[in-house]
PDB file of N, CA and C in Angstrom:
ATOM      1  N   MET A   1       0.833  -1.176   0.000  1.00  0.00           N
ATOM      2  CA  MET A   1       0.000   0.000   0.000  1.00  0.00           C
ATOM      3  C   MET A   1       0.876   1.237   0.000  1.00  0.00           C
ATOM      4  N   THR A   2       0.381   2.299  -0.579  1.00  0.00           N
ATOM      5  CA  THR A   2       1.110   3.546  -0.656  1.00  0.00           C
ATOM      6  C   THR A   2       1.338   4.081   0.752  1.00  0.00           C
ATOM      7  N   SER A   3       2.530   4.576   0.996  1.00  0.00           N
ATOM      8  CA  SER A   3       2.825   5.095   2.329  1.00  0.00           C
ATOM      9  C   SER A   3       2.352   6.531   2.448  1.00  0.00           C
ATOM     10  N   GLY A   4       2.201   7.001   3.674  1.00  0.00           N
ATOM     11  CA  GLY A   4       1.810   8.374   3.921  1.00  0.00           C
ATOM     12  C   GLY A   4       0.314   8.587   3.820  1.00  0.00           C
ATOM     13  N   MET A   5      -0.079   9.841   3.938  1.00  0.00           N
ATOM     14  CA  MET A   5      -1.497  10.191   3.923  1.00  0.00           C
ATOM     15  C   MET A   5      -2.147   9.930   2.572  1.00  0.00           C
ATOM     16  N   SER A   6      -1.380  10.022   1.480  1.00  0.00           N
ATOM     17  CA  SER A   6      -1.988   9.807   0.166  1.00  0.00           C
ATOM     18  C   SER A   6      -2.522   8.385   0.036  1.00  0.00           C
ATOM     19  N   GLY A   7      -1.983   7.442   0.783  1.00  0.00           N
ATOM     20  CA  GLY A   7      -2.441   6.062   0.729  1.00  0.00           C
ATOM     21  C   GLY A   7      -3.879   5.889   1.153  1.00  0.00           C
ATOM     22  N   ILE A   8      -4.360   6.706   2.051  1.00  0.00           N
ATOM     23  CA  ILE A   8      -5.740   6.564   2.512  1.00  0.00           C
ATOM     24  C   ILE A   8      -6.743   7.054   1.474  1.00  0.00           C
ATOM     25  N   PHE A   9      -6.258   7.762   0.455  1.00  0.00           N
ATOM     26  CA  PHE A   9      -7.137   8.276  -0.594  1.00  0.00           C
ATOM     27  C   PHE A   9      -7.095   7.422  -1.850  1.00  0.00           C
ATOM     28  N   ASP A  10      -6.189   6.469  -1.923  1.00  0.00           N
ATOM     29  CA  ASP A  10      -6.097   5.559  -3.068  1.00  0.00           C
ATOM     30  C   ASP A  10      -6.995   4.358  -2.774  1.00  0.00           C
ATOM     31  N   LEU A  11      -8.234   4.423  -3.246  1.00  0.00           N
ATOM     32  CA  LEU A  11      -9.229   3.414  -2.885  1.00  0.00           C
ATOM     33  C   LEU A  11      -8.870   2.024  -3.388  1.00  0.00           C
ATOM     34  N   THR A  12      -8.219   1.935  -4.532  1.00  0.00           N
ATOM     35  CA  THR A  12      -7.796   0.638  -5.050  1.00  0.00           C
ATOM     36  C   THR A  12      -6.736   0.033  -4.149  1.00  0.00           C
ATOM     37  N   ALA A  13      -5.781   0.838  -3.729  1.00  0.00           N
ATOM     38  CA  ALA A  13      -4.725   0.352  -2.834  1.00  0.00           C
ATOM     39  C   ALA A  13      -5.300  -0.050  -1.479  1.00  0.00           C
ATOM     40  N   VAL A  14      -6.269   0.721  -0.985  1.00  0.00           N
ATOM     41  CA  VAL A  14      -6.921   0.387   0.281  1.00  0.00           C
ATOM     42  C   VAL A  14      -7.621  -0.961   0.165  1.00  0.00           C
ATOM     43  N   ARG A  15      -8.384  -1.150  -0.911  1.00  0.00           N
ATOM     44  CA  ARG A  15      -9.108  -2.406  -1.092  1.00  0.00           C
ATOM     45  C   ARG A  15      -8.145  -3.580  -1.201  1.00  0.00           C
ATOM     46  N   GLN A  16      -7.065  -3.429  -1.977  1.00  0.00           N
ATOM     47  CA  GLN A  16      -6.081  -4.512  -2.115  1.00  0.00           C
ATOM     48  C   GLN A  16      -5.423  -4.830  -0.783  1.00  0.00           C
ATOM     49  N   SER A  17      -5.094  -3.797  -0.036  1.00  0.00           N
ATOM     50  CA  SER A  17      -4.475  -3.999   1.270  1.00  0.00           C
ATOM     51  C   SER A  17      -5.420  -4.732   2.217  1.00  0.00           C
ATOM     52  N   CYS A  18      -6.678  -4.339   2.221  1.00  0.00           N
ATOM     53  CA  CYS A  18      -7.655  -4.982   3.099  1.00  0.00           C
ATOM     54  C   CYS A  18      -7.893  -6.429   2.691  1.00  0.00           C
ATOM     55  N   TRP A  19      -7.957  -6.699   1.388  1.00  0.00           N
ATOM     56  CA  TRP A  19      -8.144  -8.079   0.935  1.00  0.00           C
ATOM     57  C   TRP A  19      -6.960  -8.929   1.371  1.00  0.00           C
ATOM     58  N   GLN A  20      -5.745  -8.412   1.221  1.00  0.00           N
ATOM     59  CA  GLN A  20      -4.558  -9.169   1.626  1.00  0.00           C
ATOM     60  C   GLN A  20      -4.549  -9.395   3.133  1.00  0.00           C
ATOM     61  N   THR A  21      -4.887  -8.364   3.881  1.00  0.00           N
ATOM     62  CA  THR A  21      -4.930  -8.483   5.340  1.00  0.00           C
ATOM     63  C   THR A  21      -5.942  -9.526   5.771  1.00  0.00           C
ATOM     64  N   CYS A  22      -7.137  -9.473   5.199  1.00  0.00           N
ATOM     65  CA  CYS A  22      -8.209 -10.378   5.611  1.00  0.00           C
ATOM     66  C   CYS A  22      -7.997 -11.797   5.089  1.00  0.00           C
ATOM     67  N   GLU A  23      -7.278 -11.931   4.003  1.00  0.00           N
ATOM     68  CA  GLU A  23      -6.952 -13.261   3.496  1.00  0.00           C
ATOM     69  C   GLU A  23      -5.958 -13.952   4.425  1.00  0.00           C
ATOM     70  N   SER A  24      -4.992 -13.190   4.939  1.00  0.00           N
ATOM     71  CA  SER A  24      -3.984 -13.789   5.810  1.00  0.00           C
ATOM     72  C   SER A  24      -4.417 -13.847   7.274  1.00  0.00           C
ATOM     73  N   ASP A  25      -5.266 -12.902   7.711  1.00  0.00           N
ATOM     74  CA  ASP A  25      -5.682 -12.861   9.117  1.00  0.00           C
ATOM     75  C   ASP A  25      -7.094 -12.287   9.240  1.00  0.00           C
ATOM     76  N   PRO A  26      -8.135 -13.093   8.940  1.00  0.00           N
ATOM     77  CA  PRO A  26      -9.501 -12.564   9.000  1.00  0.00           C
ATOM     78  C   PRO A  26      -9.925 -12.138  10.405  1.00  0.00           C
ATOM     79  N   GLY A  27      -9.224 -12.585  11.424  1.00  0.00           N
ATOM     80  CA  GLY A  27      -9.543 -12.189  12.786  1.00  0.00           C
ATOM     81  C   GLY A  27      -9.047 -10.809  13.147  1.00  0.00           C
ATOM     82  N   ARG A  28      -8.275 -10.196  12.273  1.00  0.00           N
ATOM     83  CA  ARG A  28      -7.759  -8.857  12.566  1.00  0.00           C
ATOM     84  C   ARG A  28      -8.889  -7.839  12.642  1.00  0.00           C
ATOM     85  N   PHE A  29      -9.892  -8.012  11.802  1.00  0.00           N
ATOM     86  CA  PHE A  29     -11.096  -7.182  11.825  1.00  0.00           C
ATOM     87  C   PHE A  29     -12.283  -8.132  11.929  1.00  0.00           C
ATOM     88  N   PRO A  30     -12.557  -8.640  13.134  1.00  0.00           N
ATOM     89  CA  PRO A  30     -13.592  -9.674  13.279  1.00  0.00           C
ATOM     90  C   PRO A  30     -14.997  -9.159  12.977  1.00  0.00           C
ATOM     91  N   ALA A  31     -15.693  -9.927  12.162  1.00  0.00           N
ATOM     92  CA  ALA A  31     -17.074  -9.587  11.817  1.00  0.00           C
ATOM     93  C   ALA A  31     -17.993  -9.902  12.998  1.00  0.00           C
ATOM     94  N   ASP A  32     -19.049  -9.131  13.116  1.00  0.00           N
ATOM     95  CA  ASP A  32     -20.053  -9.358  14.148  1.00  0.00           C
ATOM     96  C   ASP A  32     -20.965 -10.492  13.689  1.00  0.00           C
ATOM     97  N   PRO A  33     -20.992 -11.609  14.416  1.00  0.00           N
ATOM     98  CA  PRO A  33     -21.853 -12.730  13.999  1.00  0.00           C
ATOM     99  C   PRO A  33     -23.324 -12.340  13.859  1.00  0.00           C
ATOM    100  N   ALA A  34     -23.761 -11.357  14.612  1.00  0.00           N
ATOM    101  CA  ALA A  34     -25.160 -10.925  14.534  1.00  0.00           C
ATOM    102  C   ALA A  34     -25.462 -10.235  13.202  1.00  0.00           C
ATOM    103  N   SER A  35     -24.432  -9.754  12.513  1.00  0.00           N
ATOM    104  CA  SER A  35     -24.655  -9.069  11.238  1.00  0.00           C
ATOM    105  C   SER A  35     -24.716 -10.035  10.056  1.00  0.00           C
ATOM    106  N   VAL A  36     -24.419 -11.311  10.314  1.00  0.00           N
ATOM    107  CA  VAL A  36     -24.456 -12.322   9.248  1.00  0.00           C
ATOM    108  C   VAL A  36     -25.872 -12.889   9.174  1.00  0.00           C
ATOM    109  N   PRO A  37     -26.476 -12.855   7.997  1.00  0.00           N
ATOM    110  CA  PRO A  37     -27.841 -13.373   7.882  1.00  0.00           C
ATOM    111  C   PRO A  37     -27.908 -14.886   8.097  1.00  0.00           C
ATOM    112  N   ALA A  38     -29.071 -15.350   8.435  1.00  0.00           N
ATOM    113  CA  ALA A  38     -29.280 -16.791   8.624  1.00  0.00           C
ATOM    114  C   ALA A  38     -29.059 -17.516   7.302  1.00  0.00           C
ATOM    115  N   TYR A  39     -28.558 -18.728   7.405  1.00  0.00           N
ATOM    116  CA  TYR A  39     -28.285 -19.524   6.212  1.00  0.00           C
ATOM    117  C   TYR A  39     -28.796 -20.925   6.469  1.00  0.00           C
ATOM    118  N   SER A  40     -29.652 -21.424   5.604  1.00  0.00           N
ATOM    119  CA  SER A  40     -30.345 -22.676   5.901  1.00  0.00           C
ATOM    120  C   SER A  40     -29.766 -23.925   5.239  1.00  0.00           C
ATOM    121  N   HIS A  41     -28.847 -23.793   4.326  1.00  0.00           N
ATOM    122  CA  HIS A  41     -28.299 -24.963   3.634  1.00  0.00           C
ATOM    123  C   HIS A  41     -27.125 -25.541   4.429  1.00  0.00           C
ATOM    124  N   GLU A  42     -27.404 -26.602   5.130  1.00  0.00           N
ATOM    125  CA  GLU A  42     -26.419 -27.207   6.021  1.00  0.00           C
ATOM    126  C   GLU A  42     -25.143 -27.646   5.298  1.00  0.00           C
ATOM    127  N   ASP A  43     -25.278 -28.173   4.090  1.00  0.00           N
ATOM    128  CA  ASP A  43     -24.114 -28.717   3.388  1.00  0.00           C
ATOM    129  C   ASP A  43     -23.131 -27.651   2.915  1.00  0.00           C
ATOM    130  N   THR A  44     -23.534 -26.385   2.806  1.00  0.00           N
ATOM    131  CA  THR A  44     -22.617 -25.320   2.386  1.00  0.00           C
ATOM    132  C   THR A  44     -22.475 -24.214   3.441  1.00  0.00           C
ATOM    133  N   ARG A  45     -22.953 -24.491   4.625  1.00  0.00           N
ATOM    134  CA  ARG A  45     -22.896 -23.473   5.683  1.00  0.00           C
ATOM    135  C   ARG A  45     -21.467 -23.049   6.014  1.00  0.00           C
ATOM    136  N   GLU A  46     -20.547 -23.980   6.025  1.00  0.00           N
ATOM    137  CA  GLU A  46     -19.156 -23.655   6.358  1.00  0.00           C
ATOM    138  C   GLU A  46     -18.552 -22.686   5.331  1.00  0.00           C
ATOM    139  N   GLN A  47     -18.797 -22.927   4.051  1.00  0.00           N
ATOM    140  CA  GLN A  47     -18.289 -22.026   3.015  1.00  0.00           C
ATOM    141  C   GLN A  47     -18.951 -20.651   3.112  1.00  0.00           C
ATOM    142  N   PHE A  48     -20.262 -20.666   3.412  1.00  0.00           N
ATOM    143  CA  PHE A  48     -20.980 -19.405   3.577  1.00  0.00           C
ATOM    144  C   PHE A  48     -20.380 -18.607   4.731  1.00  0.00           C
ATOM    145  N   TRP A  49     -20.140 -19.264   5.834  1.00  0.00           N
ATOM    146  CA  TRP A  49     -19.592 -18.580   7.011  1.00  0.00           C
ATOM    147  C   TRP A  49     -18.195 -18.033   6.718  1.00  0.00           C
ATOM    148  N   ALA A  50     -17.358 -18.812   6.017  1.00  0.00           N
ATOM    149  CA  ALA A  50     -16.012 -18.354   5.660  1.00  0.00           C
ATOM    150  C   ALA A  50     -16.082 -17.098   4.787  1.00  0.00           C
ATOM    151  N   ALA A  51     -17.001 -17.087   3.817  1.00  0.00           N
ATOM    152  CA  ALA A  51     -17.168 -15.909   2.957  1.00  0.00           C
ATOM    153  C   ALA A  51     -17.681 -14.714   3.763  1.00  0.00           C
ATOM    154  N   ALA A  52     -18.624 -14.961   4.660  1.00  0.00           N
ATOM    155  CA  ALA A  52     -19.178 -13.874   5.481  1.00  0.00           C
ATOM    156  C   ALA A  52     -18.109 -13.267   6.389  1.00  0.00           C
ATOM    157  N   VAL A  53     -17.275 -14.115   6.971  1.00  0.00           N
ATOM    158  CA  VAL A  53     -16.195 -13.630   7.836  1.00  0.00           C
ATOM    159  C   VAL A  53     -15.200 -12.810   7.018  1.00  0.00           C
ATOM    160  N   PHE A  54     -14.842 -13.317   5.839  1.00  0.00           N
ATOM    161  CA  PHE A  54     -13.876 -12.614   4.987  1.00  0.00           C
ATOM    162  C   PHE A  54     -14.407 -11.245   4.570  1.00  0.00           C
ATOM    163  N   PHE A  55     -15.623 -11.201   4.025  1.00  0.00           N
ATOM    164  CA  PHE A  55     -16.152  -9.925   3.550  1.00  0.00           C
ATOM    165  C   PHE A  55     -16.500  -8.989   4.698  1.00  0.00           C
ATOM    166  N   GLY A  56     -16.858  -9.530   5.847  1.00  0.00           N
ATOM    167  CA  GLY A  56     -17.048  -8.686   7.029  1.00  0.00           C
ATOM    168  C   GLY A  56     -15.742  -8.044   7.443  1.00  0.00           C
ATOM    169  N   CYS A  57     -14.659  -8.805   7.373  1.00  0.00           N
ATOM    170  CA  CYS A  57     -13.328  -8.293   7.681  1.00  0.00           C
ATOM    171  C   CYS A  57     -12.948  -7.177   6.709  1.00  0.00           C
ATOM    172  N   VAL A  58     -13.156  -7.417   5.412  1.00  0.00           N
ATOM    173  CA  VAL A  58     -12.824  -6.412   4.399  1.00  0.00           C
ATOM    174  C   VAL A  58     -13.628  -5.129   4.651  1.00  0.00           C
ATOM    175  N   ASP A  59     -14.901  -5.270   4.952  1.00  0.00           N
ATOM    176  CA  ASP A  59     -15.751  -4.106   5.205  1.00  0.00           C
ATOM    177  C   ASP A  59     -15.247  -3.302   6.398  1.00  0.00           C
ATOM    178  N   LEU A  60     -14.914  -3.971   7.480  1.00  0.00           N
ATOM    179  CA  LEU A  60     -14.416  -3.273   8.668  1.00  0.00           C
ATOM    180  C   LEU A  60     -13.055  -2.637   8.412  1.00  0.00           C
ATOM    181  N   CYS A  61     -12.207  -3.321   7.664  1.00  0.00           N
ATOM    182  CA  CYS A  61     -10.894  -2.782   7.318  1.00  0.00           C
ATOM    183  C   CYS A  61     -11.042  -1.514   6.484  1.00  0.00           C
ATOM    184  N   GLU A  62     -11.887  -1.574   5.455  1.00  0.00           N
ATOM    185  CA  GLU A  62     -12.105  -0.392   4.632  1.00  0.00           C
ATOM    186  C   GLU A  62     -12.732   0.737   5.444  1.00  0.00           C
ATOM    187  N   GLY A  63     -13.569   0.382   6.404  1.00  0.00           N
ATOM    188  CA  GLY A  63     -14.169   1.381   7.284  1.00  0.00           C
ATOM    189  C   GLY A  63     -13.130   2.124   8.100  1.00  0.00           C
ATOM    190  N   GLU A  64     -12.077   1.430   8.488  1.00  0.00           N
ATOM    191  CA  GLU A  64     -10.993   2.078   9.240  1.00  0.00           C
ATOM    192  C   GLU A  64     -10.344   3.172   8.391  1.00  0.00           C
ATOM    193  N   TYR A  65     -10.190   2.906   7.103  1.00  0.00           N
ATOM    194  CA  TYR A  65      -9.615   3.916   6.219  1.00  0.00           C
ATOM    195  C   TYR A  65     -10.582   5.067   5.985  1.00  0.00           C
ATOM    196  N   ARG A  66     -11.893   4.788   5.965  1.00  0.00           N
ATOM    197  CA  ARG A  66     -12.878   5.878   5.847  1.00  0.00           C
ATOM    198  C   ARG A  66     -12.759   6.816   7.040  1.00  0.00           C
ATOM    199  N   VAL A  67     -12.587   6.239   8.220  1.00  0.00           N
ATOM    200  CA  VAL A  67     -12.431   7.052   9.434  1.00  0.00           C
ATOM    201  C   VAL A  67     -11.166   7.894   9.334  1.00  0.00           C
ATOM    202  N   LYS A  68     -10.087   7.319   8.825  1.00  0.00           N
ATOM    203  CA  LYS A  68      -8.839   8.079   8.676  1.00  0.00           C
ATOM    204  C   LYS A  68      -9.025   9.242   7.706  1.00  0.00           C
ATOM    205  N   ARG A  69      -9.785   9.027   6.614  1.00  0.00           N
ATOM    206  CA  ARG A  69     -10.029  10.118   5.671  1.00  0.00           C
ATOM    207  C   ARG A  69     -10.848  11.225   6.331  1.00  0.00           C
ATOM    208  N   ILE A  70     -11.853  10.856   7.103  1.00  0.00           N
ATOM    209  CA  ILE A  70     -12.669  11.849   7.803  1.00  0.00           C
ATOM    210  C   ILE A  70     -11.821  12.604   8.813  1.00  0.00           C
ATOM    211  N   ALA A  71     -10.992  11.864   9.542  1.00  0.00           N
ATOM    212  CA  ALA A  71     -10.123  12.494  10.542  1.00  0.00           C
ATOM    213  C   ALA A  71      -9.154  13.474   9.885  1.00  0.00           C
ATOM    214  N   PHE A  72      -8.797  13.230   8.653  1.00  0.00           N
ATOM    215  CA  PHE A  72      -7.909  14.136   7.918  1.00  0.00           C
ATOM    216  C   PHE A  72      -8.645  15.413   7.559  1.00  0.00           C
ATOM    217  N   PHE A  73      -9.914  15.300   7.123  1.00  0.00           N
ATOM    218  CA  PHE A  73     -10.644  16.458   6.635  1.00  0.00           C
ATOM    219  C   PHE A  73     -11.284  17.308   7.726  1.00  0.00           C
ATOM    220  N   VAL A  74     -11.606  16.752   8.855  1.00  0.00           N
ATOM    221  CA  VAL A  74     -12.274  17.526   9.913  1.00  0.00           C
ATOM    222  C   VAL A  74     -11.419  18.711  10.346  1.00  0.00           C
ATOM    223  N   PRO A  75     -10.126  18.518  10.659  1.00  0.00           N
ATOM    224  CA  PRO A  75      -9.331  19.707  11.029  1.00  0.00           C
ATOM    225  C   PRO A  75      -9.228  20.720   9.888  1.00  0.00           C
ATOM    226  N   VAL A  76      -9.149  20.255   8.656  1.00  0.00           N
ATOM    227  CA  VAL A  76      -9.083  21.154   7.511  1.00  0.00           C
ATOM    228  C   VAL A  76     -10.354  21.986   7.428  1.00  0.00           C
ATOM    229  N   ALA A  77     -11.513  21.375   7.639  1.00  0.00           N
ATOM    230  CA  ALA A  77     -12.788  22.087   7.589  1.00  0.00           C
ATOM    231  C   ALA A  77     -12.913  23.094   8.736  1.00  0.00           C
ATOM    232  N   VAL A  78     -12.405  22.723   9.900  1.00  0.00           N
ATOM    233  CA  VAL A  78     -12.494  23.619  11.067  1.00  0.00           C
ATOM    234  C   VAL A  78     -11.590  24.817  10.885  1.00  0.00           C
ATOM    235  N   ILE A  79     -10.400  24.581  10.376  1.00  0.00           N
ATOM    236  CA  ILE A  79      -9.432  25.682  10.175  1.00  0.00           C
ATOM    237  C   ILE A  79      -9.852  26.566   9.009  1.00  0.00           C
ATOM    238  N   GLY A  80     -10.281  25.923   7.931  1.00  0.00           N
ATOM    239  CA  GLY A  80     -10.592  26.646   6.681  1.00  0.00           C
ATOM    240  C   GLY A  80     -11.944  27.185   6.708  1.00  0.00           C
TER     241      GLY A  80
END
């Protein structure tokens, strides 16, 4: 990922970084089990849960970068 503040504005780099992070360590941004919808097919439940955990991780990871972008702009808006 791009270093420095410009990295938080490169959405492609953010997404790639989050996918790599969640692929290697999905527990780094643990998904809330309550946010995962019910799934009734017993034979594919494990794959469904793995996908839900992965995409929940990616969503939370990307959310962290959204917060960083907001944190960057709030002081600029207050000063300017």
